[in-house]
Amino acid sequence: GAGRQRDANYTNLLTDAALSRLVAHRPRLEALLLMQCARLTDDGLAALHGCACLRRLNLAMCTGVTERGVAALIDALPALDDLELAGCSRVRLDVPALSAKFERFVELSEDADGLDAVQG
């Protein structure tokens, strides 16, 4: 619904602290588009753990996040059913202990990073 989606597309200025402030004011977000937020890290993803309504998250080209931060996010958000990680060069899906967490989202492609579409 209105007010339940935020788009930070092309926001290279978005920091972990800024994301924490955003979700503190909008905890019922259902979708969050954070493409190309290069300054976002796993600490910023942790701020999303309280967004129980979050169903769609686009982290394409967020090169500061890792598979550990994304895996913790998946654990914290059972409603999440659409996750985009294209171009997240630090997210490795081949870590055995974490691969099961990504299983429901992963569609591997022939792209160099193997993450053309990572979503449910």
Protein backbone atom coordinates (compact mmCIF):
# COMPACT_ATOMS: atom_id res chain seq x y z
CA GLY A 1 0.00 0.00 0.00
CA ALA A 2 0.89 3.64 -0.11
CA GLY A 3 3.75 4.55 2.18
CA ARG A 4 4.86 0.97 2.56
CA GLN A 5 7.54 1.00 -0.12
CA ARG A 6 10.72 3.00 -0.14
CA ASP A 7 13.02 3.39 -3.11
CA ALA A 8 16.63 4.34 -2.51
CA ASN A 9 17.63 3.59 -6.11
CA TYR A 10 21.05 4.99 -7.05
CA THR A 11 21.60 6.25 -3.53
CA ASN A 12 25.32 5.86 -3.03
CA LEU A 13 24.97 8.12 -0.01
CA LEU A 14 22.76 5.75 1.99
CA THR A 15 24.66 4.54 5.05
CA ASP A 16 23.87 1.87 7.62
CA ALA A 17 22.88 4.61 10.10
CA ALA A 18 20.55 6.27 7.60
CA LEU A 19 18.85 2.94 6.85
CA SER A 20 18.44 2.36 10.59
CA ARG A 21 16.69 5.72 10.93
CA LEU A 22 14.45 5.00 7.93
CA VAL A 23 13.22 1.65 9.26
CA ALA A 24 12.78 3.06 12.76
CA HIS A 25 10.18 5.43 11.27
CA ARG A 26 8.69 2.90 8.85
CA PRO A 27 8.83 -0.54 10.53
CA ARG A 28 5.91 -1.86 8.47
CA LEU A 29 7.68 -1.56 5.12
CA GLU A 30 6.63 -4.27 2.68
CA ALA A 31 9.15 -3.46 -0.05
CA LEU A 32 12.52 -1.78 -0.05
CA LEU A 33 14.54 -1.04 -3.17
CA LEU A 34 18.17 -0.34 -2.29
CA MET A 35 19.91 -0.83 -5.63
CA GLN A 36 23.48 0.46 -5.86
CA CYS A 37 23.77 1.45 -2.21
CA ALA A 38 27.50 0.71 -2.09
CA ARG A 39 27.93 2.02 1.46
CA LEU A 40 25.36 -0.40 2.88
CA THR A 41 26.91 -3.26 4.89
CA ASP A 42 25.74 -6.24 6.92
CA ASP A 43 25.28 -3.87 9.88
CA GLY A 44 22.71 -1.97 7.85
CA LEU A 45 20.93 -5.18 6.90
CA ALA A 46 20.65 -5.98 10.61
CA ALA A 47 18.49 -2.87 11.00
CA LEU A 48 15.92 -4.54 8.75
CA HIS A 49 15.46 -7.48 11.13
CA GLY A 50 12.57 -5.66 12.82
CA CYS A 51 10.64 -5.19 9.56
CA ALA A 52 8.41 -8.24 9.92
CA CYS A 53 6.21 -7.18 6.98
CA LEU A 54 9.10 -6.93 4.50
CA ARG A 55 8.30 -9.16 1.54
CA ARG A 56 10.40 -7.64 -1.25
CA LEU A 57 14.01 -6.50 -0.97
CA ASN A 58 16.24 -5.43 -3.83
CA LEU A 59 19.92 -5.21 -2.92
CA ALA A 60 21.29 -5.32 -6.49
CA MET A 61 24.81 -3.89 -6.69
CA CYS A 62 25.06 -3.40 -2.92
CA THR A 63 28.69 -4.45 -2.89
CA GLY A 64 29.20 -3.94 0.85
CA VAL A 65 26.88 -6.75 1.96
CA THR A 66 28.00 -10.35 2.42
CA GLU A 67 26.31 -13.73 2.46
CA ARG A 68 26.41 -13.77 6.27
CA GLY A 69 24.42 -10.54 6.53
CA VAL A 70 21.93 -11.74 3.93
CA ALA A 71 21.58 -15.15 5.62
CA ALA A 72 20.86 -13.48 8.98
CA LEU A 73 18.28 -11.30 7.25
CA ILE A 74 16.56 -14.33 5.72
CA ASP A 75 16.38 -15.94 9.18
CA ALA A 76 14.92 -12.78 10.70
CA LEU A 77 12.31 -12.16 7.98
CA PRO A 78 10.16 -15.22 7.28
CA ALA A 79 7.75 -13.14 5.15
CA LEU A 80 10.54 -12.23 2.69
CA ASP A 81 9.72 -13.89 -0.62
CA ASP A 82 11.47 -11.71 -3.21
CA LEU A 83 15.18 -11.04 -2.81
CA GLU A 84 17.39 -9.56 -5.54
CA LEU A 85 21.16 -9.82 -5.15
CA ALA A 86 22.43 -9.26 -8.70
CA GLY A 87 25.89 -7.75 -8.63
CA CYS A 88 26.42 -8.25 -4.89
CA SER A 89 30.00 -9.35 -5.44
CA ARG A 90 30.67 -10.20 -1.78
CA VAL A 91 27.66 -12.54 -1.48
CA ARG A 92 28.89 -16.08 -2.07
CA LEU A 93 26.18 -18.69 -2.43
CA ASP A 94 28.57 -21.65 -2.39
CA VAL A 95 29.32 -21.55 1.34
CA PRO A 96 27.99 -24.97 2.49
CA ALA A 97 26.71 -23.79 5.86
CA LEU A 98 24.68 -21.04 4.19
CA SER A 99 23.53 -22.55 0.91
CA ALA A 100 20.34 -24.01 2.41
CA LYS A 101 19.25 -20.54 3.53
CA PHE A 102 19.54 -19.21 -0.02
CA GLU A 103 17.95 -22.23 -1.66
CA ARG A 104 14.43 -20.79 -1.91
CA PHE A 105 15.71 -17.60 -3.59
CA VAL A 106 18.43 -18.79 -5.95
CA GLU A 107 18.13 -18.98 -9.71
CA LEU A 108 21.68 -19.18 -11.01
CA SER A 109 22.44 -17.78 -14.45
CA GLU A 110 25.35 -17.82 -16.84
CA ASP A 111 26.39 -14.30 -15.75
CA ALA A 112 29.92 -13.79 -14.48
CA ASP A 113 28.71 -13.30 -10.93
CA GLY A 114 26.15 -16.11 -11.15
CA LEU A 115 23.56 -13.84 -9.53
CA ASP A 116 21.44 -12.59 -12.42
CA ALA A 117 18.25 -13.38 -10.53
CA VAL A 118 18.23 -14.32 -6.88
CA GLN A 119 14.64 -14.24 -5.85
CA GLY A 120 11.69 -16.35 -4.80
